[in-house]
């Protein structure tokens, strides 16, 4: 089976925030299991209390996976990611009821 890139199509890119945590890393594993090389994932995580890159050891060398250590409140870092990529956004986190408060 040919990948979108091999067919001359653009690969769909997903931005996962908090992807080094429990929920985010399992979401990344799920997406790669389901779509394999048909997608690209950009994982943005500040690696605070819940983030652990050991959760993603098995995907870190994939050509279609990128890790960016950044806080999602860092407008410059996030702006650069969006400027360089066409992405769809899926949020993960354990405190989803409170949302994100960037001051």
N, C-alpha and C. Protein backbone atom coordinates (compact mmCIF):
# COMPACT_ATOMS: atom_id res chain seq x y z
N UNK A 1 0.84 -1.18 0.00
CA UNK A 1 0.00 0.00 0.00
C UNK A 1 0.89 1.25 0.00
N UNK A 2 0.59 2.18 -0.87
CA UNK A 2 1.38 3.40 -0.97
C UNK A 2 0.89 4.43 0.04
N UNK A 3 1.84 5.19 0.58
CA UNK A 3 1.49 6.25 1.52
C UNK A 3 1.04 7.48 0.74
N UNK A 4 0.36 8.43 1.40
CA UNK A 4 -0.03 9.66 0.71
C UNK A 4 1.17 10.37 0.09
N UNK A 5 2.29 10.39 0.80
CA UNK A 5 3.48 11.07 0.27
C UNK A 5 3.98 10.40 -1.01
N UNK A 6 3.89 9.07 -1.07
CA UNK A 6 4.32 8.35 -2.26
C UNK A 6 3.38 8.61 -3.43
N UNK A 7 2.14 8.93 -3.15
CA UNK A 7 1.16 9.23 -4.19
C UNK A 7 1.18 10.71 -4.58
N UNK A 8 2.10 11.48 -4.01
CA UNK A 8 2.18 12.89 -4.31
C UNK A 8 1.18 13.74 -3.52
N UNK A 9 0.49 13.13 -2.57
CA UNK A 9 -0.46 13.85 -1.73
C UNK A 9 0.26 14.39 -0.50
N UNK A 10 -0.33 15.42 0.11
CA UNK A 10 0.21 15.91 1.37
C UNK A 10 -0.19 14.98 2.49
N UNK A 11 0.77 14.70 3.36
CA UNK A 11 0.51 13.87 4.51
C UNK A 11 -0.26 14.69 5.55
N UNK A 12 -1.27 14.12 6.16
CA UNK A 12 -2.03 14.80 7.21
C UNK A 12 -1.16 14.89 8.46
N UNK A 13 -1.09 16.08 9.05
CA UNK A 13 -0.26 16.32 10.22
C UNK A 13 -1.14 16.64 11.42
N UNK A 14 -0.84 16.00 12.55
CA UNK A 14 -1.56 16.23 13.80
C UNK A 14 -0.62 16.85 14.82
N UNK A 15 -1.10 17.87 15.51
CA UNK A 15 -0.37 18.48 16.61
C UNK A 15 -0.97 17.93 17.90
N UNK A 16 -0.16 17.24 18.67
CA UNK A 16 -0.63 16.67 19.94
C UNK A 16 0.03 17.45 21.06
N UNK A 17 -0.77 18.07 21.91
CA UNK A 17 -0.22 18.80 23.05
C UNK A 17 -0.25 17.89 24.27
N UNK A 18 0.83 17.90 25.03
CA UNK A 18 0.92 17.02 26.19
C UNK A 18 1.12 15.57 25.79
N UNK A 19 1.77 15.36 24.66
CA UNK A 19 1.91 14.01 24.12
C UNK A 19 2.88 13.10 24.86
N UNK A 20 3.64 13.62 25.82
CA UNK A 20 4.56 12.77 26.58
C UNK A 20 3.92 12.25 27.86
N UNK A 21 2.71 12.69 28.15
CA UNK A 21 1.99 12.20 29.32
C UNK A 21 1.28 10.89 29.02
N UNK A 22 0.56 10.38 29.99
CA UNK A 22 -0.10 9.08 29.84
C UNK A 22 -1.13 9.08 28.72
N UNK A 23 -2.04 10.04 28.74
CA UNK A 23 -3.10 10.07 27.73
C UNK A 23 -2.51 10.41 26.36
N UNK A 24 -1.68 11.44 26.31
CA UNK A 24 -1.11 11.86 25.04
C UNK A 24 -0.26 10.80 24.37
N UNK A 25 0.58 10.13 25.14
CA UNK A 25 1.43 9.10 24.54
C UNK A 25 0.61 7.92 24.05
N UNK A 26 -0.45 7.57 24.76
CA UNK A 26 -1.32 6.49 24.29
C UNK A 26 -2.08 6.90 23.04
N UNK A 27 -2.46 8.16 22.95
CA UNK A 27 -3.11 8.68 21.74
C UNK A 27 -2.15 8.58 20.55
N UNK A 28 -0.89 8.97 20.76
CA UNK A 28 0.10 8.89 19.69
C UNK A 28 0.30 7.45 19.24
N UNK A 29 0.42 6.53 20.19
CA UNK A 29 0.55 5.11 19.83
C UNK A 29 -0.68 4.62 19.05
N UNK A 30 -1.86 5.01 19.49
CA UNK A 30 -3.10 4.64 18.80
C UNK A 30 -3.09 5.15 17.36
N UNK A 31 -2.73 6.42 17.18
CA UNK A 31 -2.75 7.01 15.83
C UNK A 31 -1.75 6.33 14.91
N UNK A 32 -0.55 6.02 15.41
CA UNK A 32 0.42 5.33 14.57
C UNK A 32 -0.01 3.89 14.29
N UNK A 33 -0.66 3.25 15.25
CA UNK A 33 -1.15 1.89 15.00
C UNK A 33 -2.25 1.91 13.94
N UNK A 34 -3.10 2.91 13.99
CA UNK A 34 -4.22 3.00 13.05
C UNK A 34 -3.79 3.49 11.67
N UNK A 35 -2.92 4.51 11.63
CA UNK A 35 -2.59 5.15 10.35
C UNK A 35 -1.15 4.95 9.89
N UNK A 36 -0.28 4.43 10.74
CA UNK A 36 1.11 4.13 10.43
C UNK A 36 1.80 5.29 9.73
N UNK A 37 2.19 5.10 8.48
CA UNK A 37 2.94 6.11 7.74
C UNK A 37 2.06 7.05 6.93
N UNK A 38 0.76 6.99 7.13
CA UNK A 38 -0.15 7.89 6.40
C UNK A 38 -0.26 9.24 7.07
N UNK A 39 0.23 9.37 8.30
CA UNK A 39 0.12 10.61 9.05
C UNK A 39 1.48 11.05 9.57
N UNK A 40 1.51 12.28 10.03
CA UNK A 40 2.68 12.84 10.71
C UNK A 40 2.19 13.42 12.02
N UNK A 41 2.95 13.22 13.09
CA UNK A 41 2.57 13.75 14.40
C UNK A 41 3.66 14.66 14.92
N UNK A 42 3.23 15.86 15.35
CA UNK A 42 4.11 16.79 16.04
C UNK A 42 3.64 16.80 17.49
N UNK A 43 4.51 16.40 18.38
CA UNK A 43 4.20 16.30 19.81
C UNK A 43 4.81 17.50 20.53
N UNK A 44 3.96 18.35 21.12
CA UNK A 44 4.44 19.51 21.87
C UNK A 44 4.19 19.24 23.34
N UNK A 45 5.25 19.24 24.13
CA UNK A 45 5.11 18.97 25.56
C UNK A 45 6.19 19.75 26.31
N UNK A 46 5.82 20.35 27.43
CA UNK A 46 6.78 21.10 28.25
C UNK A 46 7.55 20.18 29.19
N UNK A 47 7.17 18.91 29.22
CA UNK A 47 7.81 17.91 30.09
C UNK A 47 7.79 18.34 31.56
N UNK A 48 6.62 18.68 32.03
CA UNK A 48 6.46 19.04 33.44
C UNK A 48 6.16 17.78 34.25
N UNK A 49 5.28 17.87 35.21
CA UNK A 49 5.03 16.76 36.15
C UNK A 49 4.61 15.45 35.50
N UNK A 50 3.86 15.49 34.40
CA UNK A 50 3.33 14.26 33.83
C UNK A 50 4.06 13.80 32.57
N UNK A 51 4.86 14.66 31.97
CA UNK A 51 5.51 14.32 30.72
C UNK A 51 6.73 13.44 30.93
N UNK A 52 6.82 12.37 30.14
CA UNK A 52 7.94 11.45 30.23
C UNK A 52 8.21 10.87 28.84
N UNK A 53 9.34 11.24 28.25
CA UNK A 53 9.65 10.77 26.90
C UNK A 53 9.89 9.27 26.81
N UNK A 54 10.08 8.62 27.95
CA UNK A 54 10.20 7.15 27.94
C UNK A 54 8.92 6.52 27.39
N UNK A 55 7.80 7.20 27.54
CA UNK A 55 6.52 6.70 27.02
C UNK A 55 6.52 6.58 25.50
N UNK A 56 7.48 7.27 24.84
CA UNK A 56 7.48 7.33 23.38
C UNK A 56 8.77 6.81 22.76
N UNK A 57 9.54 6.04 23.51
CA UNK A 57 10.82 5.52 23.01
C UNK A 57 10.65 4.77 21.68
N UNK A 58 9.56 4.05 21.54
CA UNK A 58 9.37 3.23 20.35
C UNK A 58 8.94 4.03 19.11
N UNK A 59 8.61 5.30 19.26
CA UNK A 59 8.22 6.11 18.09
C UNK A 59 9.19 7.25 17.81
N UNK A 60 10.14 7.51 18.71
CA UNK A 60 10.98 8.70 18.59
C UNK A 60 11.84 8.73 17.33
N UNK A 61 12.14 7.60 16.73
CA UNK A 61 13.00 7.57 15.54
C UNK A 61 12.20 7.53 14.24
N UNK A 62 10.89 7.57 14.33
CA UNK A 62 10.06 7.56 13.12
C UNK A 62 10.28 8.86 12.34
N UNK A 63 10.30 8.75 11.02
CA UNK A 63 10.43 9.93 10.18
C UNK A 63 9.20 10.83 10.25
N UNK A 64 8.07 10.25 10.61
CA UNK A 64 6.82 11.01 10.65
C UNK A 64 6.43 11.42 12.07
N UNK A 65 7.41 11.52 12.95
CA UNK A 65 7.19 11.95 14.33
C UNK A 65 8.21 13.03 14.69
N UNK A 66 7.71 14.11 15.29
CA UNK A 66 8.58 15.19 15.75
C UNK A 66 8.19 15.57 17.16
N UNK A 67 9.19 15.70 18.03
CA UNK A 67 8.96 16.19 19.39
C UNK A 67 9.47 17.61 19.50
N UNK A 68 8.65 18.49 20.08
CA UNK A 68 9.04 19.87 20.34
C UNK A 68 8.83 20.14 21.82
N UNK A 69 9.93 20.45 22.53
CA UNK A 69 9.79 20.80 23.95
C UNK A 69 9.39 22.26 24.02
N UNK A 70 8.14 22.51 24.37
CA UNK A 70 7.62 23.87 24.45
C UNK A 70 6.36 23.88 25.30
N UNK A 71 6.10 25.02 25.88
CA UNK A 71 4.86 25.25 26.62
C UNK A 71 3.84 25.78 25.62
N UNK A 72 2.62 25.27 25.66
CA UNK A 72 1.61 25.71 24.69
C UNK A 72 1.23 27.17 24.89
N UNK A 73 1.62 27.77 25.99
CA UNK A 73 1.37 29.20 26.21
C UNK A 73 2.45 30.08 25.57
N UNK A 74 3.50 29.45 25.03
CA UNK A 74 4.58 30.17 24.36
C UNK A 74 4.13 30.48 22.93
N UNK A 75 3.58 31.67 22.74
CA UNK A 75 3.01 32.04 21.44
C UNK A 75 4.02 31.95 20.31
N UNK A 76 5.26 32.33 20.57
CA UNK A 76 6.28 32.29 19.53
C UNK A 76 6.57 30.86 19.08
N UNK A 77 6.75 29.95 20.03
CA UNK A 77 7.04 28.55 19.70
C UNK A 77 5.88 27.90 18.95
N UNK A 78 4.67 28.13 19.44
CA UNK A 78 3.49 27.52 18.81
C UNK A 78 3.24 28.16 17.45
N UNK A 79 3.42 29.47 17.37
CA UNK A 79 3.26 30.15 16.09
C UNK A 79 4.21 29.62 15.03
N UNK A 80 5.43 29.32 15.44
CA UNK A 80 6.42 28.78 14.51
C UNK A 80 5.99 27.40 14.00
N UNK A 81 5.46 26.58 14.89
CA UNK A 81 4.99 25.24 14.48
C UNK A 81 3.87 25.37 13.45
N UNK A 82 2.89 26.26 13.71
CA UNK A 82 1.78 26.43 12.78
C UNK A 82 2.23 27.07 11.48
N UNK A 83 3.22 27.97 11.54
CA UNK A 83 3.70 28.62 10.33
C UNK A 83 4.42 27.63 9.41
N UNK A 84 5.05 26.63 10.00
CA UNK A 84 5.84 25.67 9.22
C UNK A 84 5.06 24.42 8.82
N UNK A 85 3.85 24.25 9.37
CA UNK A 85 3.10 23.02 9.13
C UNK A 85 1.61 23.31 8.99
N UNK A 86 0.94 22.50 8.21
CA UNK A 86 -0.53 22.53 8.17
C UNK A 86 -0.98 21.45 9.13
N UNK A 87 -1.59 21.82 10.25
CA UNK A 87 -1.92 20.84 11.28
C UNK A 87 -3.37 20.90 11.70
N UNK A 88 -3.87 19.75 12.14
CA UNK A 88 -5.15 19.67 12.84
C UNK A 88 -4.80 19.49 14.30
N UNK A 89 -5.59 19.99 15.23
CA UNK A 89 -5.22 19.97 16.64
C UNK A 89 -6.15 19.10 17.45
N UNK A 90 -5.56 18.19 18.24
CA UNK A 90 -6.30 17.37 19.19
C UNK A 90 -5.67 17.54 20.55
N UNK A 91 -6.44 17.96 21.56
CA UNK A 91 -5.88 18.24 22.88
C UNK A 91 -5.98 17.01 23.76
N UNK A 92 -4.92 16.74 24.52
CA UNK A 92 -4.95 15.68 25.51
C UNK A 92 -4.55 16.26 26.83
N UNK A 93 -5.01 15.65 27.89
CA UNK A 93 -4.61 16.11 29.22
C UNK A 93 -5.54 15.58 30.28
N UNK A 94 -5.07 15.58 31.51
CA UNK A 94 -5.87 15.05 32.60
C UNK A 94 -6.77 16.11 33.22
N UNK A 95 -6.49 17.37 32.93
CA UNK A 95 -7.30 18.45 33.50
C UNK A 95 -8.13 19.13 32.42
N UNK A 96 -8.82 18.33 31.63
CA UNK A 96 -9.54 18.87 30.49
C UNK A 96 -10.71 19.75 30.90
N UNK A 97 -11.25 19.55 32.09
CA UNK A 97 -12.37 20.37 32.53
C UNK A 97 -12.00 21.81 32.76
N UNK A 98 -10.77 22.08 33.15
CA UNK A 98 -10.33 23.44 33.44
C UNK A 98 -9.80 24.15 32.20
N UNK A 99 -9.39 23.42 31.20
CA UNK A 99 -8.82 24.04 30.00
C UNK A 99 -7.42 24.56 30.26
N UNK A 100 -6.96 25.38 29.37
CA UNK A 100 -5.61 25.92 29.46
C UNK A 100 -5.73 27.41 29.72
N UNK A 101 -4.97 27.90 30.68
CA UNK A 101 -5.01 29.30 31.03
C UNK A 101 -3.64 29.92 30.78
N UNK A 102 -3.49 30.60 29.64
CA UNK A 102 -2.23 31.26 29.30
C UNK A 102 -2.38 32.74 29.65
N UNK A 103 -1.53 33.19 30.52
CA UNK A 103 -1.59 34.60 30.94
C UNK A 103 -0.41 35.33 30.37
